Amino acid sequence: QVQVVESGGGLVQAGDSLRLSCAASGRSFSSSGMGWFRQTPGKEREFVAAIMRSGGGTFYADSVKGRFTISRDNTKNTVYLQMNSLKPEDTAVYYCAWADPRLGAAVLSQPRGYDYWGQGTQVTVSS
């Protein structure tokens, strides 16, 4: 059974930085892509960033490109989301997810591309 646990959320001011961590266990971590999504009340889960299993390919939503960086450390079974220049509109619950290794990179920006999800961590950016 795969477990995915996010940490690092909190309350920050606009312009600040925050780093989210996602620790995964239960299967070969290096064999799957990983992704971050976010969700606000009443809205659908929104893609933020994804990284391929080798770490060689990364993908970002246009809204975070240039401000957020996704990375992974396969020796620690952990994926990170470095968030810089945070804006109030970045406020959301952030979810880490473990990609279905049977699907290709084309679905890494979609929730259906993921098998397992964490419980989420709240990020609040005040203006």
Foldseek 3Di string as FASTA:
>chain_A
DKAKAKDWADEEAAQAKTKMKIAMDDDQLLLWKKFKWWDDPPDDIFGAKIAGSPRPDIDGDPVQPPFWDWGDDSVRRMIMIIGGRDDQVVWTWMKMFTFDSVDDPVCRRPPVRGDDIHPTDTHGYHD
